[in-house]
């Protein structure tokens, strides 16, 4: 049995709801006005940007999306627009999730999973990553980089229902301040094996 502990955004950074129980420890720790990750904990945490991209690709390399190089509303919940040759549309919000007043997110698992069995790695909701945003990507090392030690912006990956096909690509990177909250942002947690 696990307890769900809801932790709100804080001035020090993003601290999502965590699953806690006798077998797991917090993946995030708070102290001295900041939040940091305990990489050794057997607990849930946000993925690094590199972990997120590896998971999104699902073992496929050299492709824009987890399933190949083209995208359509049958594969992801995103805003189809002109200007992207790899966008098969149809144009506009995904008709399956376009309500009369406002489009919305799709249910988890609505689209087929990638080859790792992960759902919704493209579109639907941008996903927070643990890393602070930095350029170039892949710093301080190219072997499972964790991004800069500090920063102003946290990384977002995956695109959303309100963003075009460019942002749904596995390699697309976005960022925002860690206290920003919109209907387009969500999270996915990982756990050390």
N, C-alpha and C. Protein backbone atom coordinates (compact mmCIF):
# COMPACT_ATOMS: atom_id res chain seq x y z
N UNK A 1 0.85 -1.17 0.00
CA UNK A 1 0.00 0.00 0.00
C UNK A 1 0.89 1.23 0.00
N UNK A 2 0.55 2.20 -0.84
CA UNK A 2 1.32 3.43 -0.94
C UNK A 2 0.43 4.62 -0.68
N UNK A 3 1.00 5.64 -0.09
CA UNK A 3 0.28 6.89 0.11
C UNK A 3 0.68 7.86 -0.98
N UNK A 4 -0.26 8.57 -1.50
CA UNK A 4 0.04 9.61 -2.48
C UNK A 4 0.18 10.92 -1.72
N UNK A 5 1.35 11.52 -1.82
CA UNK A 5 1.59 12.79 -1.15
C UNK A 5 1.64 13.86 -2.22
N UNK A 6 0.76 14.81 -2.14
CA UNK A 6 0.71 15.88 -3.13
C UNK A 6 1.58 17.03 -2.68
N UNK A 7 2.61 17.34 -3.46
CA UNK A 7 3.51 18.43 -3.14
C UNK A 7 3.33 19.51 -4.19
N UNK A 8 2.99 20.73 -3.81
CA UNK A 8 2.75 21.79 -4.79
C UNK A 8 4.05 22.34 -5.36
N UNK A 9 3.91 23.19 -6.39
CA UNK A 9 5.07 23.92 -6.90
C UNK A 9 5.64 24.73 -5.75
N UNK A 10 6.94 24.93 -5.76
CA UNK A 10 7.54 25.75 -4.72
C UNK A 10 8.53 26.70 -5.34
N UNK A 11 8.93 27.70 -4.60
CA UNK A 11 9.86 28.70 -5.11
C UNK A 11 11.19 28.09 -5.48
N UNK A 12 11.57 26.99 -4.83
CA UNK A 12 12.86 26.38 -5.09
C UNK A 12 12.88 25.50 -6.33
N UNK A 13 11.74 25.11 -6.86
CA UNK A 13 11.71 24.24 -8.02
C UNK A 13 10.43 23.43 -8.05
N UNK A 14 10.37 22.50 -8.93
CA UNK A 14 9.18 21.69 -9.13
C UNK A 14 9.27 20.44 -8.28
N UNK A 15 8.26 20.17 -7.48
CA UNK A 15 8.21 18.99 -6.62
C UNK A 15 6.85 18.34 -6.81
N UNK A 16 6.74 17.32 -7.64
CA UNK A 16 5.45 16.71 -7.95
C UNK A 16 4.94 15.82 -6.82
N UNK A 17 3.71 15.34 -6.99
CA UNK A 17 3.20 14.34 -6.07
C UNK A 17 4.11 13.13 -6.10
N UNK A 18 4.33 12.52 -4.96
CA UNK A 18 5.25 11.39 -4.87
C UNK A 18 4.53 10.20 -4.26
N UNK A 19 4.91 9.01 -4.68
CA UNK A 19 4.40 7.81 -4.04
C UNK A 19 5.39 7.40 -2.97
N UNK A 20 4.90 7.22 -1.77
CA UNK A 20 5.76 6.84 -0.65
C UNK A 20 5.23 5.56 -0.03
N UNK A 21 6.09 4.78 0.52
CA UNK A 21 5.68 3.57 1.20
C UNK A 21 6.86 2.90 1.85
N UNK A 22 6.64 1.77 2.46
CA UNK A 22 7.70 1.12 3.21
C UNK A 22 8.84 0.65 2.30
N UNK A 23 8.56 0.37 1.04
CA UNK A 23 9.61 -0.11 0.14
C UNK A 23 10.31 1.00 -0.63
N UNK A 24 9.80 2.21 -0.59
CA UNK A 24 10.35 3.29 -1.39
C UNK A 24 10.71 4.50 -0.53
N UNK A 25 11.61 5.28 -1.04
CA UNK A 25 12.01 6.52 -0.38
C UNK A 25 11.75 7.66 -1.33
N UNK A 26 11.66 8.85 -0.81
CA UNK A 26 11.44 10.01 -1.67
C UNK A 26 12.58 10.15 -2.66
N UNK A 27 12.23 10.43 -3.89
CA UNK A 27 13.23 10.71 -4.91
C UNK A 27 13.66 12.16 -4.87
N UNK A 28 12.83 13.02 -4.27
CA UNK A 28 13.14 14.44 -4.14
C UNK A 28 13.28 14.77 -2.67
N UNK A 29 14.20 15.63 -2.37
CA UNK A 29 14.42 16.06 -1.00
C UNK A 29 14.40 17.58 -0.95
N UNK A 30 13.93 18.14 0.12
CA UNK A 30 13.90 19.59 0.28
C UNK A 30 14.88 19.99 1.37
N UNK A 31 15.47 21.15 1.20
CA UNK A 31 16.37 21.66 2.24
C UNK A 31 16.90 23.02 1.86
N UNK A 32 17.00 23.87 2.84
CA UNK A 32 17.57 25.21 2.65
C UNK A 32 16.93 25.97 1.50
N UNK A 33 15.61 25.85 1.34
CA UNK A 33 14.90 26.61 0.33
C UNK A 33 15.03 26.08 -1.08
N UNK A 34 15.64 24.91 -1.26
CA UNK A 34 15.74 24.36 -2.61
C UNK A 34 15.34 22.89 -2.58
N UNK A 35 15.06 22.37 -3.74
CA UNK A 35 14.67 20.98 -3.89
C UNK A 35 15.73 20.31 -4.75
N UNK A 36 16.15 19.14 -4.35
CA UNK A 36 17.16 18.43 -5.12
C UNK A 36 16.77 16.96 -5.19
N UNK A 37 17.37 16.26 -6.13
CA UNK A 37 17.03 14.86 -6.34
C UNK A 37 18.06 13.98 -5.64
N UNK A 38 17.60 12.89 -5.08
CA UNK A 38 18.47 11.88 -4.49
C UNK A 38 18.58 10.76 -5.51
N UNK A 39 19.66 10.77 -6.29
CA UNK A 39 19.82 9.82 -7.39
C UNK A 39 19.97 8.38 -6.90
N UNK A 40 20.30 8.19 -5.64
CA UNK A 40 20.49 6.83 -5.11
C UNK A 40 19.22 6.25 -4.51
N UNK A 41 18.19 7.07 -4.33
CA UNK A 41 16.96 6.61 -3.68
C UNK A 41 16.20 5.63 -4.57
N UNK A 42 15.56 4.67 -3.93
CA UNK A 42 14.68 3.73 -4.63
C UNK A 42 13.28 4.33 -4.58
N UNK A 43 13.12 5.49 -5.20
CA UNK A 43 11.86 6.19 -5.15
C UNK A 43 11.51 6.78 -6.50
N UNK A 44 10.40 7.47 -6.57
CA UNK A 44 9.94 8.07 -7.80
C UNK A 44 10.47 9.48 -7.93
N UNK A 45 10.79 9.86 -9.16
CA UNK A 45 11.32 11.19 -9.45
C UNK A 45 11.00 11.53 -10.89
N UNK A 46 11.23 12.78 -11.26
CA UNK A 46 11.12 13.16 -12.66
C UNK A 46 12.29 12.57 -13.43
N UNK A 47 12.11 12.22 -14.70
CA UNK A 47 13.24 11.72 -15.49
C UNK A 47 14.17 12.86 -15.86
N UNK A 48 15.43 12.52 -16.11
CA UNK A 48 16.32 13.51 -16.70
C UNK A 48 15.87 13.69 -18.14
N UNK A 49 16.35 14.73 -18.78
CA UNK A 49 15.99 14.96 -20.18
C UNK A 49 16.47 13.80 -21.05
N UNK A 50 17.66 13.28 -20.78
CA UNK A 50 18.20 12.15 -21.56
C UNK A 50 17.36 10.89 -21.34
N UNK A 51 16.95 10.64 -20.10
CA UNK A 51 16.10 9.47 -19.82
C UNK A 51 14.77 9.61 -20.54
N UNK A 52 14.20 10.83 -20.52
CA UNK A 52 12.92 11.05 -21.19
C UNK A 52 13.05 10.76 -22.69
N UNK A 53 14.09 11.30 -23.32
CA UNK A 53 14.24 11.10 -24.77
C UNK A 53 14.46 9.63 -25.12
N UNK A 54 15.27 8.94 -24.33
CA UNK A 54 15.49 7.51 -24.57
C UNK A 54 14.16 6.75 -24.46
N UNK A 55 13.37 7.06 -23.44
CA UNK A 55 12.08 6.40 -23.25
C UNK A 55 11.12 6.75 -24.39
N UNK A 56 11.11 8.02 -24.82
CA UNK A 56 10.22 8.44 -25.91
C UNK A 56 10.54 7.72 -27.21
N UNK A 57 11.81 7.58 -27.50
CA UNK A 57 12.21 6.92 -28.75
C UNK A 57 11.86 5.43 -28.74
N UNK A 58 11.77 4.83 -27.59
CA UNK A 58 11.36 3.43 -27.51
C UNK A 58 12.28 2.49 -28.25
N UNK A 59 13.57 2.80 -28.29
CA UNK A 59 14.53 1.94 -28.97
C UNK A 59 14.73 2.27 -30.44
N UNK A 60 13.95 3.21 -30.97
CA UNK A 60 14.06 3.62 -32.36
C UNK A 60 15.02 4.81 -32.44
N UNK A 61 15.94 4.79 -33.38
CA UNK A 61 16.83 5.94 -33.54
C UNK A 61 16.70 6.49 -34.96
N UNK A 62 17.03 7.75 -35.11
CA UNK A 62 17.00 8.38 -36.42
C UNK A 62 15.61 8.69 -36.95
N UNK A 63 14.60 8.67 -36.08
CA UNK A 63 13.22 8.97 -36.48
C UNK A 63 12.73 10.18 -35.70
N UNK A 64 11.82 10.93 -36.26
CA UNK A 64 11.27 12.11 -35.57
C UNK A 64 10.39 11.74 -34.39
N UNK A 65 9.61 10.69 -34.55
CA UNK A 65 8.61 10.31 -33.56
C UNK A 65 8.86 8.87 -33.11
N UNK A 66 8.24 8.44 -32.03
CA UNK A 66 8.47 7.07 -31.54
C UNK A 66 8.14 5.98 -32.56
N UNK A 67 7.31 6.27 -33.54
CA UNK A 67 6.85 5.28 -34.52
C UNK A 67 7.43 5.49 -35.91
N UNK A 68 8.11 6.60 -36.18
CA UNK A 68 8.64 6.87 -37.52
C UNK A 68 8.80 8.35 -37.77
N UNK A 69 8.73 8.75 -39.05
CA UNK A 69 9.00 10.14 -39.43
C UNK A 69 7.77 10.99 -39.72
N UNK A 70 6.58 10.40 -39.76
CA UNK A 70 5.35 11.15 -40.03
C UNK A 70 4.44 11.12 -38.81
N UNK A 71 3.58 12.14 -38.68
CA UNK A 71 2.64 12.19 -37.57
C UNK A 71 1.26 12.55 -38.11
N UNK A 72 0.22 11.98 -37.49
CA UNK A 72 -1.16 12.31 -37.84
C UNK A 72 -1.99 12.26 -36.56
N UNK A 73 -3.22 12.71 -36.64
CA UNK A 73 -4.07 12.72 -35.44
C UNK A 73 -4.43 11.32 -34.96
N UNK A 74 -4.17 10.31 -35.76
CA UNK A 74 -4.38 8.93 -35.33
C UNK A 74 -3.25 8.40 -34.46
N UNK A 75 -2.16 9.18 -34.34
CA UNK A 75 -1.00 8.75 -33.56
C UNK A 75 -0.74 9.57 -32.31
N UNK A 76 -1.23 10.82 -32.28
CA UNK A 76 -0.96 11.70 -31.14
C UNK A 76 -1.98 12.83 -31.08
N UNK A 77 -2.13 13.39 -29.90
CA UNK A 77 -3.01 14.53 -29.70
C UNK A 77 -2.17 15.80 -29.77
N UNK A 78 -2.25 16.51 -30.89
CA UNK A 78 -1.46 17.72 -31.13
C UNK A 78 -2.23 18.63 -32.08
N UNK A 79 -1.74 19.82 -32.29
CA UNK A 79 -2.36 20.79 -33.20
C UNK A 79 -1.68 20.70 -34.55
N UNK A 80 -2.38 20.19 -35.55
CA UNK A 80 -1.82 20.06 -36.89
C UNK A 80 -1.88 21.39 -37.62
N UNK A 81 -0.74 21.83 -38.17
CA UNK A 81 -0.66 23.10 -38.88
C UNK A 81 0.14 22.94 -40.17
N UNK A 82 -0.07 23.87 -41.08
CA UNK A 82 0.70 23.89 -42.32
C UNK A 82 2.16 24.20 -42.01
N UNK A 83 3.05 23.80 -42.90
CA UNK A 83 4.44 24.16 -42.77
C UNK A 83 5.36 23.03 -42.34
N UNK A 84 4.81 21.87 -42.04
CA UNK A 84 5.63 20.73 -41.64
C UNK A 84 5.32 19.55 -42.56
N UNK A 85 6.27 19.22 -43.43
CA UNK A 85 6.06 18.15 -44.41
C UNK A 85 5.78 16.81 -43.74
N UNK A 86 6.22 16.63 -42.52
CA UNK A 86 6.02 15.36 -41.81
C UNK A 86 4.69 15.31 -41.07
N UNK A 87 3.87 16.35 -41.15
CA UNK A 87 2.57 16.42 -40.49
C UNK A 87 1.48 16.01 -41.48
N UNK A 88 0.89 14.83 -41.26
CA UNK A 88 -0.15 14.30 -42.15
C UNK A 88 -1.55 14.75 -41.76
N UNK A 89 -1.66 15.51 -40.67
CA UNK A 89 -2.94 16.13 -40.28
C UNK A 89 -4.03 15.17 -39.87
N UNK A 90 -5.28 15.57 -40.13
CA UNK A 90 -5.74 16.76 -40.83
C UNK A 90 -5.50 18.03 -40.01
N UNK A 91 -5.57 19.17 -40.68
CA UNK A 91 -5.26 20.44 -40.05
C UNK A 91 -6.20 20.76 -38.89
N UNK A 92 -5.65 21.41 -37.85
CA UNK A 92 -6.43 21.82 -36.69
C UNK A 92 -6.18 20.93 -35.49
N UNK A 93 -6.98 21.15 -34.44
CA UNK A 93 -6.88 20.32 -33.25
C UNK A 93 -7.34 18.91 -33.58
N UNK A 94 -6.88 17.92 -32.83
CA UNK A 94 -7.29 16.54 -33.02
C UNK A 94 -8.80 16.47 -32.84
N UNK A 95 -9.50 16.04 -33.89
CA UNK A 95 -10.98 16.02 -33.89
C UNK A 95 -11.56 15.16 -32.77
N UNK A 96 -10.80 14.17 -32.31
CA UNK A 96 -11.28 13.30 -31.23
C UNK A 96 -11.33 14.00 -29.88
N UNK A 97 -10.61 15.13 -29.76
CA UNK A 97 -10.51 15.81 -28.47
C UNK A 97 -10.75 17.32 -28.61
N UNK A 98 -11.52 17.70 -29.60
CA UNK A 98 -11.82 19.10 -29.85
C UNK A 98 -13.26 19.37 -29.43
N UNK A 99 -13.42 19.79 -28.19
CA UNK A 99 -14.75 20.09 -27.66
C UNK A 99 -15.27 21.38 -28.30
N UNK A 100 -16.52 21.65 -28.09
CA UNK A 100 -17.15 22.84 -28.67
C UNK A 100 -16.42 24.12 -28.24
N UNK A 101 -16.08 24.24 -26.97
CA UNK A 101 -15.47 25.48 -26.48
C UNK A 101 -13.95 25.44 -26.45
N UNK A 102 -13.35 24.30 -26.18
CA UNK A 102 -11.88 24.22 -26.04
C UNK A 102 -11.42 22.78 -26.24
N UNK A 103 -10.33 22.59 -26.99
CA UNK A 103 -9.76 21.24 -27.11
C UNK A 103 -9.24 20.76 -25.75
N UNK A 104 -8.97 19.47 -25.63
CA UNK A 104 -8.55 18.94 -24.35
C UNK A 104 -7.61 17.76 -24.52
N UNK A 105 -7.04 17.30 -23.40
CA UNK A 105 -6.11 16.17 -23.43
C UNK A 105 -6.85 14.87 -23.71
N UNK A 106 -6.12 13.91 -24.23
CA UNK A 106 -6.68 12.59 -24.49
C UNK A 106 -6.45 11.70 -23.27
N UNK A 107 -7.29 10.67 -23.09
CA UNK A 107 -7.08 9.75 -21.97
C UNK A 107 -5.75 9.00 -22.13
N UNK A 108 -5.11 8.71 -21.02
CA UNK A 108 -3.86 7.95 -21.07
C UNK A 108 -4.12 6.62 -21.75
N UNK A 109 -3.27 6.26 -22.68
CA UNK A 109 -3.39 4.99 -23.37
C UNK A 109 -4.31 5.01 -24.58
N UNK A 110 -4.80 6.16 -24.98
CA UNK A 110 -5.70 6.25 -26.13
C UNK A 110 -4.99 5.85 -27.43
N UNK A 111 -3.73 6.27 -27.57
CA UNK A 111 -2.95 5.95 -28.76
C UNK A 111 -2.06 4.73 -28.49
N UNK A 112 -1.59 4.11 -29.56
CA UNK A 112 -0.74 2.93 -29.41
C UNK A 112 0.55 3.28 -28.67
N UNK A 113 1.08 2.36 -27.86
CA UNK A 113 2.34 2.61 -27.14
C UNK A 113 3.54 2.50 -28.08
N UNK A 114 4.68 3.01 -27.63
CA UNK A 114 5.91 2.81 -28.40
C UNK A 114 6.43 1.40 -28.13
N UNK A 115 7.59 1.07 -28.68
CA UNK A 115 8.08 -0.30 -28.56
C UNK A 115 8.53 -0.65 -27.13
N UNK A 116 8.65 0.34 -26.25
CA UNK A 116 8.92 0.06 -24.83
C UNK A 116 7.62 -0.09 -24.04
N UNK A 117 6.48 0.05 -24.71
CA UNK A 117 5.19 -0.07 -24.04
C UNK A 117 4.74 1.21 -23.35
N UNK A 118 5.36 2.35 -23.69
CA UNK A 118 5.02 3.64 -23.07
C UNK A 118 4.02 4.39 -23.94
N UNK A 119 3.00 4.93 -23.33
CA UNK A 119 1.95 5.66 -24.03
C UNK A 119 2.20 7.16 -24.00
N UNK A 120 1.68 7.84 -25.01
CA UNK A 120 1.59 9.31 -25.03
C UNK A 120 2.94 10.01 -24.89
N UNK A 121 3.97 9.48 -25.53
CA UNK A 121 5.28 10.13 -25.47
C UNK A 121 5.38 11.28 -26.48
N UNK A 122 4.39 11.42 -27.33
CA UNK A 122 4.34 12.54 -28.29
C UNK A 122 2.98 13.21 -28.16
N UNK A 123 2.98 14.52 -27.96
CA UNK A 123 1.73 15.26 -27.85
C UNK A 123 1.04 15.07 -26.51
N UNK A 124 -0.20 15.48 -26.45
CA UNK A 124 -1.09 15.42 -25.29
C UNK A 124 -0.71 16.43 -24.21
N UNK A 125 0.43 16.26 -23.53
CA UNK A 125 0.87 17.23 -22.51
C UNK A 125 2.39 17.25 -22.46
N UNK A 126 2.96 18.45 -22.45
CA UNK A 126 4.40 18.58 -22.22
C UNK A 126 4.71 17.92 -20.89
N UNK A 127 5.86 17.26 -20.80
CA UNK A 127 6.24 16.58 -19.56
C UNK A 127 7.48 17.24 -18.97
N UNK A 128 7.40 17.52 -17.66
CA UNK A 128 8.52 18.11 -16.95
C UNK A 128 9.67 17.11 -16.87
N UNK A 129 10.88 17.61 -17.02
CA UNK A 129 12.09 16.83 -16.77
C UNK A 129 12.82 17.46 -15.59
N UNK A 130 13.67 16.68 -14.95
CA UNK A 130 14.40 17.18 -13.79
C UNK A 130 15.41 18.25 -14.18
N UNK A 131 16.00 18.16 -15.35
CA UNK A 131 17.11 19.02 -15.74
C UNK A 131 16.75 20.49 -15.81
N UNK A 132 17.72 21.31 -15.42
CA UNK A 132 17.67 22.73 -15.74
C UNK A 132 17.99 22.84 -17.21
N UNK A 133 17.39 23.80 -17.89
CA UNK A 133 17.62 23.96 -19.33
C UNK A 133 19.00 24.55 -19.56
N UNK A 134 19.70 23.99 -20.52
CA UNK A 134 21.01 24.49 -20.91
C UNK A 134 21.30 24.15 -22.34
N UNK A 135 22.17 24.91 -22.95
CA UNK A 135 22.60 24.61 -24.31
C UNK A 135 24.12 24.57 -24.34
N UNK A 136 24.73 23.72 -25.12
CA UNK A 136 24.04 22.71 -25.93
C UNK A 136 23.53 21.55 -25.06
N UNK A 137 22.59 20.82 -25.60
CA UNK A 137 22.06 19.63 -24.93
C UNK A 137 23.19 18.62 -24.81
N UNK A 138 23.20 17.86 -23.75
CA UNK A 138 24.23 16.84 -23.58
C UNK A 138 25.36 17.29 -22.68
N UNK A 139 25.12 18.27 -21.83
CA UNK A 139 26.15 18.74 -20.90
C UNK A 139 25.78 18.30 -19.49
N UNK A 140 26.64 18.07 -18.57
CA UNK A 140 28.08 18.20 -18.67
C UNK A 140 28.76 17.01 -19.34
N UNK A 141 28.04 15.94 -19.65
CA UNK A 141 28.65 14.82 -20.36
C UNK A 141 27.64 14.31 -21.38
N UNK A 142 28.10 13.54 -22.35
CA UNK A 142 27.18 12.98 -23.34
C UNK A 142 26.67 11.61 -22.91
N UNK A 143 27.17 11.08 -21.80
CA UNK A 143 26.73 9.80 -21.27
C UNK A 143 25.70 10.05 -20.17
N UNK A 144 24.41 9.98 -20.51
CA UNK A 144 23.31 10.26 -19.60
C UNK A 144 23.48 11.61 -18.92
N UNK A 145 23.53 12.69 -19.70
CA UNK A 145 23.72 14.02 -19.12
C UNK A 145 22.55 14.42 -18.23
N UNK A 146 22.83 15.23 -17.25
CA UNK A 146 21.80 15.70 -16.33
C UNK A 146 21.61 17.21 -16.42
N UNK A 147 22.23 17.85 -17.39
CA UNK A 147 22.06 19.29 -17.56
C UNK A 147 22.86 20.08 -16.54
N UNK A 148 22.74 21.40 -16.60
CA UNK A 148 23.48 22.28 -15.69
C UNK A 148 23.07 22.03 -14.23
N UNK A 149 23.97 22.34 -13.30
CA UNK A 149 23.70 22.16 -11.87
C UNK A 149 22.64 23.14 -11.36
N UNK A 150 22.54 24.31 -11.97
CA UNK A 150 21.55 25.30 -11.57
C UNK A 150 21.00 25.98 -12.81
N UNK A 151 19.97 26.75 -12.63
CA UNK A 151 19.41 27.47 -13.77
C UNK A 151 18.14 28.21 -13.40
N UNK A 152 17.53 28.78 -14.40
CA UNK A 152 16.28 29.51 -14.23
C UNK A 152 15.10 28.72 -14.76
N UNK A 153 15.33 27.92 -15.79
CA UNK A 153 14.26 27.19 -16.48
C UNK A 153 14.44 25.69 -16.36
N UNK A 154 13.33 24.97 -16.24
CA UNK A 154 13.33 23.50 -16.28
C UNK A 154 12.92 23.05 -17.69
N UNK A 155 13.39 21.89 -18.07
CA UNK A 155 13.13 21.33 -19.39
C UNK A 155 11.74 20.72 -19.45
N UNK A 156 11.08 20.91 -20.60
CA UNK A 156 9.81 20.27 -20.94
C UNK A 156 10.02 19.49 -22.23
N UNK A 157 9.42 18.31 -22.33
CA UNK A 157 9.54 17.51 -23.55
C UNK A 157 8.19 16.93 -23.94
N UNK A 158 8.04 16.59 -25.22
CA UNK A 158 6.90 15.84 -25.71
C UNK A 158 5.81 16.58 -26.44
N UNK A 159 5.73 17.90 -26.31
CA UNK A 159 4.66 18.64 -26.97
C UNK A 159 3.33 18.47 -26.25
N UNK A 160 2.31 19.13 -26.76
CA UNK A 160 0.99 19.05 -26.13
C UNK A 160 -0.12 19.13 -27.17
N UNK A 161 -1.34 19.00 -26.72
CA UNK A 161 -2.52 19.08 -27.57
C UNK A 161 -2.63 20.44 -28.23
N UNK A 162 -1.99 21.45 -27.68
CA UNK A 162 -2.10 22.82 -28.16
C UNK A 162 -0.85 23.28 -28.91
N UNK A 163 0.03 22.36 -29.25
CA UNK A 163 1.27 22.69 -29.95
C UNK A 163 1.38 21.88 -31.24
N UNK A 164 2.10 22.45 -32.20
CA UNK A 164 2.20 21.79 -33.51
C UNK A 164 3.15 20.59 -33.49
N UNK A 165 3.24 19.93 -34.63
CA UNK A 165 4.00 18.69 -34.78
C UNK A 165 5.47 18.84 -34.42
N UNK A 166 6.03 20.02 -34.64
CA UNK A 166 7.44 20.25 -34.31
C UNK A 166 7.72 19.87 -32.85
N UNK A 167 6.83 20.25 -31.95
CA UNK A 167 7.05 20.02 -30.52
C UNK A 167 6.78 18.58 -30.10
N UNK A 168 6.11 17.80 -30.92
CA UNK A 168 5.85 16.40 -30.61
C UNK A 168 7.02 15.49 -30.98
N UNK A 169 8.01 16.02 -31.66
CA UNK A 169 9.18 15.23 -32.05
C UNK A 169 9.96 14.78 -30.80
N UNK A 170 10.58 13.60 -30.88
CA UNK A 170 11.36 13.08 -29.75
C UNK A 170 12.49 14.03 -29.36
N UNK A 171 13.08 14.74 -30.32
CA UNK A 171 14.22 15.60 -30.06
C UNK A 171 13.85 17.03 -29.66
N UNK A 172 12.58 17.40 -29.73
CA UNK A 172 12.17 18.78 -29.45
C UNK A 172 12.34 19.09 -27.96
N UNK A 173 12.90 20.26 -27.68
CA UNK A 173 13.15 20.71 -26.30
C UNK A 173 12.45 22.04 -26.07
N UNK A 174 11.79 22.15 -24.94
CA UNK A 174 11.22 23.42 -24.54
C UNK A 174 11.61 23.64 -23.08
N UNK A 175 11.29 24.80 -22.55
CA UNK A 175 11.64 25.12 -21.17
C UNK A 175 10.73 26.21 -20.65
N UNK A 176 10.62 26.28 -19.34
CA UNK A 176 9.88 27.34 -18.67
C UNK A 176 10.33 27.42 -17.22
N UNK A 177 9.90 28.46 -16.54
CA UNK A 177 10.21 28.58 -15.12
C UNK A 177 9.50 27.45 -14.37
N UNK A 178 10.10 26.93 -13.32
CA UNK A 178 9.55 25.75 -12.65
C UNK A 178 8.23 25.97 -11.92
N UNK A 179 7.82 27.20 -11.74
CA UNK A 179 6.55 27.45 -11.06
C UNK A 179 5.42 27.73 -12.04
N UNK A 180 5.69 27.60 -13.34
CA UNK A 180 4.67 27.83 -14.36
C UNK A 180 3.74 26.61 -14.43
N UNK A 181 2.46 26.84 -14.42
CA UNK A 181 1.49 25.75 -14.50
C UNK A 181 0.43 26.11 -15.54
N UNK A 182 0.18 25.22 -16.50
CA UNK A 182 -0.86 25.42 -17.49
C UNK A 182 -1.55 24.08 -17.74
N UNK A 183 -2.59 24.12 -18.54
CA UNK A 183 -3.29 22.90 -18.92
C UNK A 183 -2.49 22.05 -19.89
N UNK A 184 -1.37 22.57 -20.36
CA UNK A 184 -0.54 21.85 -21.32
C UNK A 184 0.62 21.09 -20.68
N UNK A 185 0.83 21.21 -19.37
CA UNK A 185 1.96 20.58 -18.70
C UNK A 185 1.51 19.43 -17.81
N UNK A 186 2.29 18.38 -17.82
CA UNK A 186 2.04 17.23 -16.96
C UNK A 186 3.37 16.63 -16.54
N UNK A 187 3.33 15.45 -15.98
CA UNK A 187 4.58 14.80 -15.60
C UNK A 187 4.45 13.29 -15.69
N UNK A 188 5.59 12.67 -15.77
CA UNK A 188 5.72 11.22 -15.79
C UNK A 188 6.87 10.92 -14.85
N UNK A 189 6.69 10.00 -13.95
CA UNK A 189 7.76 9.70 -13.01
C UNK A 189 8.51 8.44 -13.43
N UNK A 190 9.74 8.34 -12.95
CA UNK A 190 10.57 7.16 -13.16
C UNK A 190 11.04 6.67 -11.80
N UNK A 191 11.49 5.45 -11.78
CA UNK A 191 11.99 4.86 -10.55
C UNK A 191 13.24 4.06 -10.86
N UNK A 192 14.24 4.19 -10.02
CA UNK A 192 15.47 3.43 -10.18
C UNK A 192 15.16 1.95 -10.13
N UNK A 193 15.72 1.14 -11.06
CA UNK A 193 15.43 -0.30 -11.04
C UNK A 193 16.01 -1.01 -9.83
